[in-house]
């Protein structure tokens, strides 16, 4: 059993590695700790009898993870070494997909939102509340450009922010991308 570490949020010494996601999580408050260049030391495989088998392996700098599972009667294997930045972008893309799914945004418009966020963040994406608000603002820009029946209030409710906060970010996005919207 590994020794617990200090939590950046609540200050308690209850941070341990989650055996499923290989992320450092506080057992007290649930906060996922942020690190600059995390690489997963876990190996995920599926045994012949079914079920997932998780084990640690030590191959130094090339430590990676492998996950195998049975999907629709076929084996699916995922293998790779993910840096902190790759994981952060993947989690941000997942968050974007969740938000756009809740708002029922068409696939083409989701691609437009991804393009805008990628351009604004210069491919770095990020994490946290500011990213949710940026995603919401880019969604609202796309909605306005496409004349979709979605209000800024609906977007604010889904991303759980104040309408004024979303409106300020919306205006920053318009200015940064030099977008001019024509009023109806």
C-alpha atoms as a PDB file:
ATOM      1  CA  UNK A   1       0.000   0.000   0.000  1.00  0.00           C
ATOM      2  CA  UNK A   2       1.429   3.351  -0.982  1.00  0.00           C
ATOM      3  CA  UNK A   3       1.684   6.258   1.426  1.00  0.00           C
ATOM      4  CA  UNK A   4      -1.012   8.956   1.103  1.00  0.00           C
ATOM      5  CA  UNK A   5      -0.011  12.389  -0.172  1.00  0.00           C
ATOM      6  CA  UNK A   6      -1.094  15.965   0.601  1.00  0.00           C
ATOM      7  CA  UNK A   7      -4.273  17.270  -1.157  1.00  0.00           C
ATOM      8  CA  UNK A   8      -3.926  20.589  -3.019  1.00  0.00           C
ATOM      9  CA  UNK A   9      -7.578  21.474  -2.310  1.00  0.00           C
ATOM     10  CA  UNK A  10      -8.539  20.385   1.227  1.00  0.00           C
ATOM     11  CA  UNK A  11      -5.050  20.013   2.724  1.00  0.00           C
ATOM     12  CA  UNK A  12      -5.552  16.510   4.145  1.00  0.00           C
ATOM     13  CA  UNK A  13      -3.044  13.695   3.645  1.00  0.00           C
ATOM     14  CA  UNK A  14      -5.510  11.392   1.887  1.00  0.00           C
ATOM     15  CA  UNK A  15      -4.385  11.502  -1.786  1.00  0.00           C
ATOM     16  CA  UNK A  16      -3.951   8.053  -3.308  1.00  0.00           C
ATOM     17  CA  UNK A  17      -3.809   6.624  -6.806  1.00  0.00           C
ATOM     18  CA  UNK A  18      -7.151   5.469  -8.194  1.00  0.00           C
ATOM     19  CA  UNK A  19      -6.631   1.883  -9.389  1.00  0.00           C
ATOM     20  CA  UNK A  20      -8.979   2.250 -12.367  1.00  0.00           C
ATOM     21  CA  UNK A  21      -7.995   5.632 -13.848  1.00  0.00           C
ATOM     22  CA  UNK A  22      -4.424   5.768 -12.468  1.00  0.00           C
ATOM     23  CA  UNK A  23      -5.076   9.354 -11.374  1.00  0.00           C
ATOM     24  CA  UNK A  24      -4.146  10.818  -8.000  1.00  0.00           C
ATOM     25  CA  UNK A  25      -7.408  11.523  -6.123  1.00  0.00           C
ATOM     26  CA  UNK A  26      -8.118  12.816  -2.607  1.00  0.00           C
ATOM     27  CA  UNK A  27     -10.083  10.214  -0.651  1.00  0.00           C
ATOM     28  CA  UNK A  28     -11.494  12.975   1.543  1.00  0.00           C
ATOM     29  CA  UNK A  29     -12.845  15.580  -0.910  1.00  0.00           C
ATOM     30  CA  UNK A  30     -12.611  13.732  -4.271  1.00  0.00           C
ATOM     31  CA  UNK A  31     -10.373  16.379  -5.894  1.00  0.00           C
ATOM     32  CA  UNK A  32      -8.262  15.064  -8.798  1.00  0.00           C
ATOM     33  CA  UNK A  33      -4.720  16.329  -8.293  1.00  0.00           C
ATOM     34  CA  UNK A  34      -2.923  18.096 -11.146  1.00  0.00           C
ATOM     35  CA  UNK A  35       0.615  17.115 -12.133  1.00  0.00           C
ATOM     36  CA  UNK A  36       2.829  18.417 -14.928  1.00  0.00           C
ATOM     37  CA  UNK A  37       3.908  15.222 -16.751  1.00  0.00           C
ATOM     38  CA  UNK A  38       1.975  12.223 -15.437  1.00  0.00           C
ATOM     39  CA  UNK A  39       2.422   8.843 -17.136  1.00  0.00           C
ATOM     40  CA  UNK A  40       0.311   5.881 -16.160  1.00  0.00           C
ATOM     41  CA  UNK A  41       2.167   2.993 -14.483  1.00  0.00           C
ATOM     42  CA  UNK A  42      -0.790   0.593 -14.830  1.00  0.00           C
ATOM     43  CA  UNK A  43      -1.452  -2.228 -17.250  1.00  0.00           C
ATOM     44  CA  UNK A  44      -5.118  -2.990 -17.971  1.00  0.00           C
ATOM     45  CA  UNK A  45      -5.913  -6.387 -19.543  1.00  0.00           C
ATOM     46  CA  UNK A  46      -8.889  -8.707 -19.719  1.00  0.00           C
ATOM     47  CA  UNK A  47      -8.553 -12.329 -18.745  1.00  0.00           C
ATOM     48  CA  UNK A  48     -10.067 -15.221 -20.715  1.00  0.00           C
ATOM     49  CA  UNK A  49     -12.877 -15.609 -18.206  1.00  0.00           C
ATOM     50  CA  UNK A  50     -13.924 -11.975 -18.686  1.00  0.00           C
ATOM     51  CA  UNK A  51     -13.496  -9.025 -16.394  1.00  0.00           C
ATOM     52  CA  UNK A  52     -10.702  -6.499 -16.303  1.00  0.00           C
ATOM     53  CA  UNK A  53      -7.305  -7.242 -14.800  1.00  0.00           C
ATOM     54  CA  UNK A  54      -5.242  -4.284 -13.606  1.00  0.00           C
ATOM     55  CA  UNK A  55      -1.546  -4.584 -12.816  1.00  0.00           C
ATOM     56  CA  UNK A  56       1.441  -2.324 -12.465  1.00  0.00           C
ATOM     57  CA  UNK A  57       4.508  -2.855 -14.587  1.00  0.00           C
ATOM     58  CA  UNK A  58       7.848  -1.140 -14.482  1.00  0.00           C
ATOM     59  CA  UNK A  59       9.451  -0.401 -17.834  1.00  0.00           C
ATOM     60  CA  UNK A  60      10.939   2.977 -16.902  1.00  0.00           C
ATOM     61  CA  UNK A  61      10.270   5.940 -19.190  1.00  0.00           C
ATOM     62  CA  UNK A  62       8.283   3.762 -21.577  1.00  0.00           C
ATOM     63  CA  UNK A  63       5.732   2.806 -18.946  1.00  0.00           C
ATOM     64  CA  UNK A  64       2.327   2.702 -20.577  1.00  0.00           C
ATOM     65  CA  UNK A  65      -1.075   1.161 -20.235  1.00  0.00           C
ATOM     66  CA  UNK A  66      -3.027  -1.476 -22.121  1.00  0.00           C
ATOM     67  CA  UNK A  67      -6.736  -2.066 -21.815  1.00  0.00           C
ATOM     68  CA  UNK A  68      -8.512  -4.973 -23.460  1.00  0.00           C
ATOM     69  CA  UNK A  69     -12.200  -5.717 -23.285  1.00  0.00           C
ATOM     70  CA  UNK A  70     -14.845  -7.700 -25.132  1.00  0.00           C
ATOM     71  CA  UNK A  71     -17.143  -5.435 -27.193  1.00  0.00           C
ATOM     72  CA  UNK A  72     -19.968  -6.995 -29.248  1.00  0.00           C
ATOM     73  CA  UNK A  73     -18.157 -10.340 -29.355  1.00  0.00           C
ATOM     74  CA  UNK A  74     -14.820  -8.832 -30.489  1.00  0.00           C
ATOM     75  CA  UNK A  75     -11.739  -7.971 -28.482  1.00  0.00           C
ATOM     76  CA  UNK A  76     -10.863  -4.282 -28.326  1.00  0.00           C
ATOM     77  CA  UNK A  77      -7.332  -3.324 -27.295  1.00  0.00           C
ATOM     78  CA  UNK A  78      -6.093   0.128 -26.374  1.00  0.00           C
ATOM     79  CA  UNK A  79      -2.429   0.739 -25.693  1.00  0.00           C
ATOM     80  CA  UNK A  80      -0.410   3.870 -25.273  1.00  0.00           C
ATOM     81  CA  UNK A  81       1.657   6.245 -23.226  1.00  0.00           C
ATOM     82  CA  UNK A  82      -0.171   9.422 -22.383  1.00  0.00           C
ATOM     83  CA  UNK A  83       1.430  12.579 -21.093  1.00  0.00           C
ATOM     84  CA  UNK A  84      -0.317  15.033 -18.833  1.00  0.00           C
ATOM     85  CA  UNK A  85      -1.123  17.315 -21.787  1.00  0.00           C
ATOM     86  CA  UNK A  86      -2.586  14.482 -23.893  1.00  0.00           C
ATOM     87  CA  UNK A  87      -4.741  13.327 -20.996  1.00  0.00           C
ATOM     88  CA  UNK A  88      -5.852  16.898 -20.285  1.00  0.00           C
ATOM     89  CA  UNK A  89      -6.910  17.408 -23.920  1.00  0.00           C
ATOM     90  CA  UNK A  90      -8.751  14.078 -23.980  1.00  0.00           C
ATOM     91  CA  UNK A  91     -10.658  14.978 -20.799  1.00  0.00           C
ATOM     92  CA  UNK A  92     -11.470  18.429 -22.223  1.00  0.00           C
ATOM     93  CA  UNK A  93     -12.771  16.865 -25.456  1.00  0.00           C
ATOM     94  CA  UNK A  94     -14.904  14.501 -23.388  1.00  0.00           C
ATOM     95  CA  UNK A  95     -16.305  17.474 -21.444  1.00  0.00           C
ATOM     96  CA  UNK A  96     -17.063  19.289 -24.718  1.00  0.00           C
ATOM     97  CA  UNK A  97     -18.853  16.211 -26.065  1.00  0.00           C
ATOM     98  CA  UNK A  98     -20.923  15.935 -22.865  1.00  0.00           C
ATOM     99  CA  UNK A  99     -21.977  19.592 -22.972  1.00  0.00           C
ATOM    100  CA  UNK A 100     -22.841  19.542 -26.683  1.00  0.00           C
ATOM    101  CA  UNK A 101     -24.794  16.296 -26.222  1.00  0.00           C
ATOM    102  CA  UNK A 102     -26.870  17.862 -23.436  1.00  0.00           C
ATOM    103  CA  UNK A 103     -27.630  20.808 -25.719  1.00  0.00           C
ATOM    104  CA  UNK A 104     -28.325  18.447 -28.667  1.00  0.00           C
ATOM    105  CA  UNK A 105     -25.971  20.344 -30.941  1.00  0.00           C
ATOM    106  CA  UNK A 106     -25.651  18.832 -34.460  1.00  0.00           C
ATOM    107  CA  UNK A 107     -22.361  17.013 -35.216  1.00  0.00           C
ATOM    108  CA  UNK A 108     -21.246  19.625 -37.762  1.00  0.00           C
ATOM    109  CA  UNK A 109     -21.707  22.372 -35.171  1.00  0.00           C
ATOM    110  CA  UNK A 110     -19.776  20.347 -32.574  1.00  0.00           C
ATOM    111  CA  UNK A 111     -16.849  20.281 -35.019  1.00  0.00           C
ATOM    112  CA  UNK A 112     -17.113  24.077 -35.355  1.00  0.00           C
ATOM    113  CA  UNK A 113     -17.001  24.457 -31.561  1.00  0.00           C
ATOM    114  CA  UNK A 114     -13.947  22.154 -31.321  1.00  0.00           C
ATOM    115  CA  UNK A 115     -12.205  24.187 -34.007  1.00  0.00           C
ATOM    116  CA  UNK A 116     -12.899  27.458 -32.163  1.00  0.00           C
ATOM    117  CA  UNK A 117     -11.724  26.150 -28.771  1.00  0.00           C
ATOM    118  CA  UNK A 118      -8.599  24.646 -30.357  1.00  0.00           C
ATOM    119  CA  UNK A 119      -7.786  27.922 -32.110  1.00  0.00           C
ATOM    120  CA  UNK A 120      -8.349  30.061 -28.998  1.00  0.00           C
ATOM    121  CA  UNK A 121      -6.312  27.801 -26.711  1.00  0.00           C
ATOM    122  CA  UNK A 122      -3.681  27.234 -29.408  1.00  0.00           C
ATOM    123  CA  UNK A 123      -4.096  23.473 -29.048  1.00  0.00           C
ATOM    124  CA  UNK A 124      -3.365  23.458 -25.305  1.00  0.00           C
ATOM    125  CA  UNK A 125      -7.013  23.150 -24.180  1.00  0.00           C
ATOM    126  CA  UNK A 126      -6.944  22.972 -20.392  1.00  0.00           C
ATOM    127  CA  UNK A 127      -9.190  22.068 -17.519  1.00  0.00           C
ATOM    128  CA  UNK A 128     -11.457  23.691 -15.014  1.00  0.00           C
ATOM    129  CA  UNK A 129     -14.317  26.122 -14.907  1.00  0.00           C
ATOM    130  CA  UNK A 130     -12.821  28.569 -17.409  1.00  0.00           C
ATOM    131  CA  UNK A 131     -12.777  25.828 -20.058  1.00  0.00           C
ATOM    132  CA  UNK A 132     -16.463  25.047 -19.481  1.00  0.00           C
ATOM    133  CA  UNK A 133     -17.300  28.727 -19.921  1.00  0.00           C
ATOM    134  CA  UNK A 134     -15.117  28.966 -23.045  1.00  0.00           C
ATOM    135  CA  UNK A 135     -16.861  25.899 -24.502  1.00  0.00           C
ATOM    136  CA  UNK A 136     -20.240  27.454 -23.669  1.00  0.00           C
ATOM    137  CA  UNK A 137     -19.260  30.733 -25.345  1.00  0.00           C
ATOM    138  CA  UNK A 138     -18.067  28.924 -28.486  1.00  0.00           C
ATOM    139  CA  UNK A 139     -21.315  26.942 -28.535  1.00  0.00           C
ATOM    140  CA  UNK A 140     -23.306  30.160 -28.312  1.00  0.00           C
ATOM    141  CA  UNK A 141     -21.262  31.741 -31.150  1.00  0.00           C
ATOM    142  CA  UNK A 142     -22.050  28.694 -33.306  1.00  0.00           C
ATOM    143  CA  UNK A 143     -25.720  28.828 -32.300  1.00  0.00           C
ATOM    144  CA  UNK A 144     -25.976  32.504 -33.258  1.00  0.00           C
ATOM    145  CA  UNK A 145     -24.142  31.991 -36.577  1.00  0.00           C
ATOM    146  CA  UNK A 146     -26.419  29.079 -37.491  1.00  0.00           C
ATOM    147  CA  UNK A 147     -29.661  30.632 -36.189  1.00  0.00           C
ATOM    148  CA  UNK A 148     -30.334  27.587 -33.988  1.00  0.00           C
ATOM    149  CA  UNK A 149     -33.157  27.855 -31.422  1.00  0.00           C
ATOM    150  CA  UNK A 150     -30.990  27.923 -28.285  1.00  0.00           C
ATOM    151  CA  UNK A 151     -30.670  30.801 -25.825  1.00  0.00           C
ATOM    152  CA  UNK A 152     -27.677  31.948 -23.813  1.00  0.00           C
ATOM    153  CA  UNK A 153     -29.666  31.091 -20.662  1.00  0.00           C
ATOM    154  CA  UNK A 154     -30.005  27.448 -21.783  1.00  0.00           C
ATOM    155  CA  UNK A 155     -26.260  27.240 -22.472  1.00  0.00           C
ATOM    156  CA  UNK A 156     -25.469  28.861 -19.086  1.00  0.00           C
ATOM    157  CA  UNK A 157     -27.713  26.381 -17.263  1.00  0.00           C
ATOM    158  CA  UNK A 158     -26.010  23.370 -18.873  1.00  0.00           C
ATOM    159  CA  UNK A 159     -22.486  24.594 -18.064  1.00  0.00           C
ATOM    160  CA  UNK A 160     -23.628  25.811 -14.633  1.00  0.00           C
ATOM    161  CA  UNK A 161     -22.485  29.421 -14.840  1.00  0.00           C
ATOM    162  CA  UNK A 162     -23.904  32.912 -14.594  1.00  0.00           C
ATOM    163  CA  UNK A 163     -25.368  34.379 -17.800  1.00  0.00           C
ATOM    164  CA  UNK A 164     -23.243  37.517 -17.350  1.00  0.00           C
ATOM    165  CA  UNK A 165     -20.074  35.439 -17.038  1.00  0.00           C
ATOM    166  CA  UNK A 166     -20.951  33.504 -20.192  1.00  0.00           C
ATOM    167  CA  UNK A 167     -21.830  36.749 -21.997  1.00  0.00           C
ATOM    168  CA  UNK A 168     -18.426  38.257 -21.169  1.00  0.00           C
ATOM    169  CA  UNK A 169     -16.635  35.175 -22.496  1.00  0.00           C
ATOM    170  CA  UNK A 170     -18.895  35.206 -25.592  1.00  0.00           C
ATOM    171  CA  UNK A 171     -17.811  38.792 -26.323  1.00  0.00           C
ATOM    172  CA  UNK A 172     -14.132  37.871 -25.809  1.00  0.00           C
ATOM    173  CA  UNK A 173     -14.495  34.957 -28.248  1.00  0.00           C
ATOM    174  CA  UNK A 174     -16.119  37.203 -30.871  1.00  0.00           C
ATOM    175  CA  UNK A 175     -13.323  39.749 -30.476  1.00  0.00           C
ATOM    176  CA  UNK A 176     -10.465  37.210 -30.456  1.00  0.00           C
ATOM    177  CA  UNK A 177     -11.744  35.382 -33.557  1.00  0.00           C
ATOM    178  CA  UNK A 178     -12.817  38.664 -35.200  1.00  0.00           C
ATOM    179  CA  UNK A 179     -16.364  37.415 -35.812  1.00  0.00           C
ATOM    180  CA  UNK A 180     -19.076  39.874 -36.781  1.00  0.00           C
ATOM    181  CA  UNK A 181     -22.654  38.708 -36.260  1.00  0.00           C
ATOM    182  CA  UNK A 182     -25.449  40.427 -38.171  1.00  0.00           C
ATOM    183  CA  UNK A 183     -28.597  41.096 -36.114  1.00  0.00           C
ATOM    184  CA  UNK A 184     -31.878  39.779 -37.478  1.00  0.00           C
END
